[in-house]
Amino acid sequence: MSPEPAFRYELEKSRNEELGVDVTTIHCHGRLTNDNAGQIKELVKPMIGHGGHIVIDLADLKYIDSSGLGALVGLKVSALNTGLCRLELANLTPRVKELLSLANLTKLFSS
């Protein structure tokens, strides 16, 4: 049995003309763990200051641990604190939904 793939992502930029904002979608793949949670923070953190809308798509994320979840929480809090950017999670897997619920974070990501 081969190991699960490491974390990787693809960026997609678009414009929501109706709302007049730029949208950056980050399609996540593989495993978001302690070994690589810094990658998503390094990618997204600078984007938050530019404003707009950031969507982190987790449809193809095979596994997430507490460090990966912590990275996502930190990014969401940063986005809320700056007030310039809307950050949301999309296509949550049952595992991610369960982790958010267990950590009592569902409400944070619904805002």
N, C-alpha and C. Protein backbone atom coordinates (compact mmCIF):
# COMPACT_ATOMS: atom_id res chain seq x y z
N MET A 1 0.85 -1.18 0.00
CA MET A 1 0.00 0.00 0.00
C MET A 1 0.89 1.25 0.00
N SER A 2 0.68 2.13 -0.94
CA SER A 2 1.51 3.33 -1.02
C SER A 2 1.01 4.38 -0.03
N PRO A 3 1.92 5.24 0.44
CA PRO A 3 1.51 6.26 1.40
C PRO A 3 0.61 7.30 0.74
N GLU A 4 -0.19 7.97 1.57
CA GLU A 4 -1.04 9.04 1.06
C GLU A 4 -0.16 10.15 0.50
N PRO A 5 -0.63 10.86 -0.51
CA PRO A 5 0.17 11.93 -1.09
C PRO A 5 0.37 13.08 -0.11
N ALA A 6 1.49 13.77 -0.24
CA ALA A 6 1.76 14.95 0.57
C ALA A 6 0.79 16.07 0.18
N PHE A 7 0.79 17.12 0.94
CA PHE A 7 -0.08 18.26 0.66
C PHE A 7 0.40 19.00 -0.59
N ARG A 8 -0.53 19.36 -1.42
CA ARG A 8 -0.27 20.22 -2.56
C ARG A 8 -1.53 21.02 -2.84
N TYR A 9 -1.41 22.05 -3.63
CA TYR A 9 -2.57 22.91 -3.90
C TYR A 9 -2.47 23.50 -5.30
N GLU A 10 -3.60 23.97 -5.77
CA GLU A 10 -3.68 24.71 -7.03
C GLU A 10 -4.46 25.98 -6.76
N LEU A 11 -4.00 27.07 -7.35
CA LEU A 11 -4.68 28.36 -7.21
C LEU A 11 -5.53 28.64 -8.43
N GLU A 12 -6.68 29.19 -8.19
CA GLU A 12 -7.57 29.63 -9.27
C GLU A 12 -8.04 31.03 -8.93
N LYS A 13 -7.79 31.97 -9.82
CA LYS A 13 -8.21 33.35 -9.58
C LYS A 13 -9.35 33.68 -10.53
N SER A 14 -10.33 34.40 -9.98
CA SER A 14 -11.47 34.82 -10.78
C SER A 14 -12.00 36.14 -10.21
N ARG A 15 -13.03 36.63 -10.81
CA ARG A 15 -13.63 37.89 -10.36
C ARG A 15 -15.13 37.68 -10.25
N ASN A 16 -15.69 38.06 -9.11
CA ASN A 16 -17.14 38.04 -8.93
C ASN A 16 -17.62 39.44 -9.29
N GLU A 17 -18.08 39.59 -10.52
CA GLU A 17 -18.50 40.90 -11.02
C GLU A 17 -19.71 41.43 -10.26
N GLU A 18 -20.58 40.52 -9.85
CA GLU A 18 -21.78 40.91 -9.14
C GLU A 18 -21.44 41.62 -7.83
N LEU A 19 -20.45 41.08 -7.12
CA LEU A 19 -20.03 41.68 -5.85
C LEU A 19 -18.85 42.64 -6.01
N GLY A 20 -18.22 42.61 -7.18
CA GLY A 20 -17.08 43.48 -7.43
C GLY A 20 -15.84 43.11 -6.64
N VAL A 21 -15.63 41.81 -6.41
CA VAL A 21 -14.45 41.38 -5.64
C VAL A 21 -13.68 40.30 -6.40
N ASP A 22 -12.39 40.28 -6.15
CA ASP A 22 -11.55 39.20 -6.67
C ASP A 22 -11.72 37.98 -5.78
N VAL A 23 -11.75 36.81 -6.41
CA VAL A 23 -11.91 35.55 -5.68
C VAL A 23 -10.70 34.68 -5.98
N THR A 24 -10.06 34.21 -4.92
CA THR A 24 -8.96 33.26 -5.05
C THR A 24 -9.41 31.95 -4.43
N THR A 25 -9.42 30.90 -5.24
CA THR A 25 -9.79 29.58 -4.75
C THR A 25 -8.53 28.74 -4.66
N ILE A 26 -8.34 28.12 -3.51
CA ILE A 26 -7.18 27.26 -3.28
C ILE A 26 -7.71 25.84 -3.18
N HIS A 27 -7.42 25.03 -4.19
CA HIS A 27 -7.85 23.63 -4.21
C HIS A 27 -6.77 22.80 -3.51
N CYS A 28 -7.13 22.22 -2.37
CA CYS A 28 -6.17 21.46 -1.56
C CYS A 28 -6.25 19.97 -1.89
N HIS A 29 -5.09 19.33 -1.90
CA HIS A 29 -5.00 17.90 -2.21
C HIS A 29 -4.06 17.22 -1.22
N GLY A 30 -4.34 15.96 -0.93
CA GLY A 30 -3.43 15.17 -0.10
C GLY A 30 -3.72 15.28 1.38
N ARG A 31 -2.66 15.50 2.16
CA ARG A 31 -2.73 15.50 3.61
C ARG A 31 -2.22 16.83 4.16
N LEU A 32 -3.03 17.46 5.01
CA LEU A 32 -2.62 18.70 5.66
C LEU A 32 -2.29 18.36 7.11
N THR A 33 -0.99 18.29 7.40
CA THR A 33 -0.52 17.80 8.71
C THR A 33 0.54 18.74 9.29
N ASN A 34 1.01 18.36 10.45
CA ASN A 34 2.06 19.11 11.13
C ASN A 34 3.27 19.34 10.21
N ASP A 35 3.57 18.38 9.36
CA ASP A 35 4.73 18.48 8.47
C ASP A 35 4.61 19.58 7.43
N ASN A 36 3.38 19.95 7.07
CA ASN A 36 3.23 20.89 5.96
C ASN A 36 2.19 21.99 6.19
N ALA A 37 1.65 22.11 7.40
CA ALA A 37 0.63 23.14 7.67
C ALA A 37 1.17 24.55 7.40
N GLY A 38 2.47 24.72 7.56
CA GLY A 38 3.08 26.02 7.30
C GLY A 38 2.93 26.45 5.85
N GLN A 39 2.84 25.50 4.93
CA GLN A 39 2.70 25.83 3.50
C GLN A 39 1.44 26.64 3.24
N ILE A 40 0.33 26.20 3.83
CA ILE A 40 -0.93 26.92 3.56
C ILE A 40 -0.93 28.27 4.25
N LYS A 41 -0.30 28.35 5.42
CA LYS A 41 -0.21 29.64 6.10
C LYS A 41 0.64 30.62 5.28
N GLU A 42 1.78 30.16 4.78
CA GLU A 42 2.66 31.02 3.98
C GLU A 42 1.98 31.48 2.69
N LEU A 43 1.13 30.64 2.14
CA LEU A 43 0.42 30.98 0.91
C LEU A 43 -0.69 31.99 1.17
N VAL A 44 -1.52 31.73 2.16
CA VAL A 44 -2.75 32.50 2.34
C VAL A 44 -2.55 33.79 3.13
N LYS A 45 -1.69 33.77 4.12
CA LYS A 45 -1.53 34.94 5.00
C LYS A 45 -1.30 36.24 4.22
N PRO A 46 -0.38 36.29 3.24
CA PRO A 46 -0.20 37.53 2.49
C PRO A 46 -1.43 37.94 1.68
N MET A 47 -2.22 36.99 1.26
CA MET A 47 -3.43 37.29 0.47
C MET A 47 -4.47 38.02 1.30
N ILE A 48 -4.51 37.74 2.58
CA ILE A 48 -5.53 38.32 3.46
C ILE A 48 -5.45 39.84 3.45
N GLY A 49 -4.24 40.38 3.48
CA GLY A 49 -4.06 41.83 3.49
C GLY A 49 -4.50 42.53 2.21
N HIS A 50 -4.64 41.78 1.13
CA HIS A 50 -5.06 42.36 -0.14
C HIS A 50 -6.58 42.44 -0.27
N GLY A 51 -7.29 41.83 0.66
CA GLY A 51 -8.74 41.86 0.61
C GLY A 51 -9.30 40.87 -0.39
N GLY A 52 -10.57 41.00 -0.66
CA GLY A 52 -11.22 40.09 -1.59
C GLY A 52 -11.84 38.90 -0.89
N HIS A 53 -11.92 37.82 -1.61
CA HIS A 53 -12.59 36.61 -1.14
C HIS A 53 -11.65 35.43 -1.38
N ILE A 54 -11.37 34.69 -0.33
CA ILE A 54 -10.52 33.51 -0.43
C ILE A 54 -11.36 32.29 -0.09
N VAL A 55 -11.34 31.32 -0.98
CA VAL A 55 -12.05 30.06 -0.76
C VAL A 55 -11.01 28.95 -0.67
N ILE A 56 -11.03 28.22 0.43
CA ILE A 56 -10.13 27.07 0.58
C ILE A 56 -10.99 25.83 0.35
N ASP A 57 -10.77 25.20 -0.80
CA ASP A 57 -11.56 24.05 -1.23
C ASP A 57 -10.89 22.76 -0.73
N LEU A 58 -11.61 22.05 0.13
CA LEU A 58 -11.05 20.85 0.77
C LEU A 58 -11.59 19.55 0.19
N ALA A 59 -12.22 19.60 -0.98
CA ALA A 59 -12.85 18.43 -1.57
C ALA A 59 -11.90 17.25 -1.74
N ASP A 60 -10.65 17.53 -2.07
CA ASP A 60 -9.70 16.45 -2.34
C ASP A 60 -8.66 16.30 -1.22
N LEU A 61 -8.97 16.84 -0.05
CA LEU A 61 -8.07 16.67 1.09
C LEU A 61 -8.36 15.31 1.71
N LYS A 62 -7.36 14.45 1.73
CA LYS A 62 -7.55 13.07 2.20
C LYS A 62 -7.46 12.95 3.72
N TYR A 63 -6.71 13.87 4.35
CA TYR A 63 -6.49 13.78 5.78
C TYR A 63 -6.08 15.15 6.31
N ILE A 64 -6.54 15.46 7.51
CA ILE A 64 -6.12 16.68 8.19
C ILE A 64 -5.93 16.34 9.66
N ASP A 65 -4.83 16.85 10.24
CA ASP A 65 -4.62 16.62 11.67
C ASP A 65 -4.85 17.94 12.42
N SER A 66 -4.57 17.94 13.71
CA SER A 66 -4.84 19.13 14.52
C SER A 66 -4.00 20.33 14.08
N SER A 67 -2.80 20.10 13.59
CA SER A 67 -1.96 21.21 13.11
C SER A 67 -2.54 21.81 11.84
N GLY A 68 -3.03 20.96 10.95
CA GLY A 68 -3.67 21.46 9.74
C GLY A 68 -4.92 22.26 10.07
N LEU A 69 -5.71 21.74 11.00
CA LEU A 69 -6.92 22.45 11.43
C LEU A 69 -6.53 23.77 12.09
N GLY A 70 -5.47 23.74 12.91
CA GLY A 70 -5.00 24.96 13.56
C GLY A 70 -4.58 26.02 12.56
N ALA A 71 -3.94 25.59 11.47
CA ALA A 71 -3.53 26.54 10.43
C ALA A 71 -4.75 27.20 9.80
N LEU A 72 -5.79 26.42 9.53
CA LEU A 72 -7.00 26.97 8.94
C LEU A 72 -7.70 27.93 9.90
N VAL A 73 -7.73 27.57 11.17
CA VAL A 73 -8.35 28.45 12.19
C VAL A 73 -7.57 29.76 12.27
N GLY A 74 -6.24 29.68 12.30
CA GLY A 74 -5.43 30.89 12.36
C GLY A 74 -5.67 31.81 11.18
N LEU A 75 -5.80 31.24 10.00
CA LEU A 75 -6.07 32.03 8.80
C LEU A 75 -7.44 32.69 8.87
N LYS A 76 -8.43 31.95 9.34
CA LYS A 76 -9.78 32.51 9.46
C LYS A 76 -9.79 33.67 10.45
N VAL A 77 -9.13 33.49 11.59
CA VAL A 77 -9.07 34.55 12.59
C VAL A 77 -8.35 35.78 12.03
N SER A 78 -7.27 35.58 11.30
CA SER A 78 -6.56 36.70 10.67
C SER A 78 -7.47 37.45 9.70
N ALA A 79 -8.22 36.70 8.91
CA ALA A 79 -9.14 37.34 7.95
C ALA A 79 -10.21 38.14 8.68
N LEU A 80 -10.75 37.58 9.76
CA LEU A 80 -11.77 38.31 10.53
C LEU A 80 -11.18 39.55 11.18
N ASN A 81 -9.97 39.45 11.70
CA ASN A 81 -9.35 40.58 12.39
C ASN A 81 -8.99 41.73 11.45
N THR A 82 -8.60 41.43 10.22
CA THR A 82 -8.25 42.51 9.29
C THR A 82 -9.50 43.19 8.76
N GLY A 83 -10.57 42.43 8.62
CA GLY A 83 -11.81 42.99 8.10
C GLY A 83 -11.77 43.30 6.62
N LEU A 84 -10.68 42.95 5.95
CA LEU A 84 -10.54 43.26 4.52
C LEU A 84 -10.91 42.09 3.62
N CYS A 85 -10.96 40.90 4.19
CA CYS A 85 -11.02 39.69 3.40
C CYS A 85 -12.08 38.75 3.94
N ARG A 86 -12.74 38.09 3.04
CA ARG A 86 -13.67 37.02 3.43
C ARG A 86 -12.99 35.70 3.12
N LEU A 87 -12.80 34.86 4.14
CA LEU A 87 -12.18 33.57 3.95
C LEU A 87 -13.19 32.49 4.32
N GLU A 88 -13.37 31.54 3.42
CA GLU A 88 -14.31 30.46 3.71
C GLU A 88 -13.74 29.12 3.28
N LEU A 89 -14.24 28.08 3.93
CA LEU A 89 -13.91 26.72 3.56
C LEU A 89 -15.03 26.19 2.68
N ALA A 90 -14.68 25.43 1.66
CA ALA A 90 -15.69 24.86 0.77
C ALA A 90 -15.45 23.37 0.62
N ASN A 91 -16.52 22.66 0.33
CA ASN A 91 -16.46 21.22 0.06
C ASN A 91 -15.79 20.45 1.19
N LEU A 92 -16.26 20.68 2.39
CA LEU A 92 -15.70 19.99 3.54
C LEU A 92 -16.02 18.51 3.49
N THR A 93 -15.01 17.72 3.74
CA THR A 93 -15.20 16.27 3.81
C THR A 93 -15.87 15.94 5.14
N PRO A 94 -16.47 14.75 5.26
CA PRO A 94 -17.07 14.37 6.55
C PRO A 94 -16.06 14.45 7.69
N ARG A 95 -14.81 14.09 7.43
CA ARG A 95 -13.77 14.14 8.47
C ARG A 95 -13.54 15.58 8.96
N VAL A 96 -13.45 16.53 8.03
CA VAL A 96 -13.23 17.92 8.42
C VAL A 96 -14.45 18.46 9.17
N LYS A 97 -15.65 18.14 8.70
CA LYS A 97 -16.86 18.57 9.40
C LYS A 97 -16.87 18.04 10.82
N GLU A 98 -16.49 16.77 10.98
CA GLU A 98 -16.46 16.16 12.31
C GLU A 98 -15.44 16.87 13.20
N LEU A 99 -14.25 17.14 12.67
CA LEU A 99 -13.23 17.83 13.46
C LEU A 99 -13.68 19.23 13.87
N LEU A 100 -14.29 19.96 12.95
CA LEU A 100 -14.79 21.30 13.30
C LEU A 100 -15.86 21.22 14.38
N SER A 101 -16.71 20.23 14.28
CA SER A 101 -17.75 20.05 15.28
C SER A 101 -17.17 19.67 16.64
N LEU A 102 -16.24 18.71 16.64
CA LEU A 102 -15.62 18.28 17.90
C LEU A 102 -14.85 19.40 18.57
N ALA A 103 -14.23 20.26 17.77
CA ALA A 103 -13.46 21.37 18.30
C ALA A 103 -14.32 22.62 18.55
N ASN A 104 -15.62 22.48 18.33
CA ASN A 104 -16.57 23.57 18.52
C ASN A 104 -16.22 24.79 17.64
N LEU A 105 -15.82 24.52 16.40
CA LEU A 105 -15.40 25.58 15.49
C LEU A 105 -16.35 25.77 14.31
N THR A 106 -17.42 25.02 14.27
CA THR A 106 -18.35 25.11 13.15
C THR A 106 -18.86 26.54 12.97
N LYS A 107 -19.20 27.20 14.08
CA LYS A 107 -19.73 28.55 14.00
C LYS A 107 -18.70 29.55 13.47
N LEU A 108 -17.43 29.36 13.82
CA LEU A 108 -16.39 30.26 13.34
C LEU A 108 -16.33 30.25 11.82
N PHE A 109 -16.43 29.07 11.23
CA PHE A 109 -16.31 28.98 9.77
C PHE A 109 -17.61 29.23 9.04
N SER A 110 -18.69 29.44 9.79
CA SER A 110 -19.95 29.79 9.11
C SER A 110 -20.11 31.30 9.03
N SER A 111 -19.18 32.04 9.63
CA SER A 111 -19.27 33.51 9.59
C SER A 111 -18.47 34.09 8.45
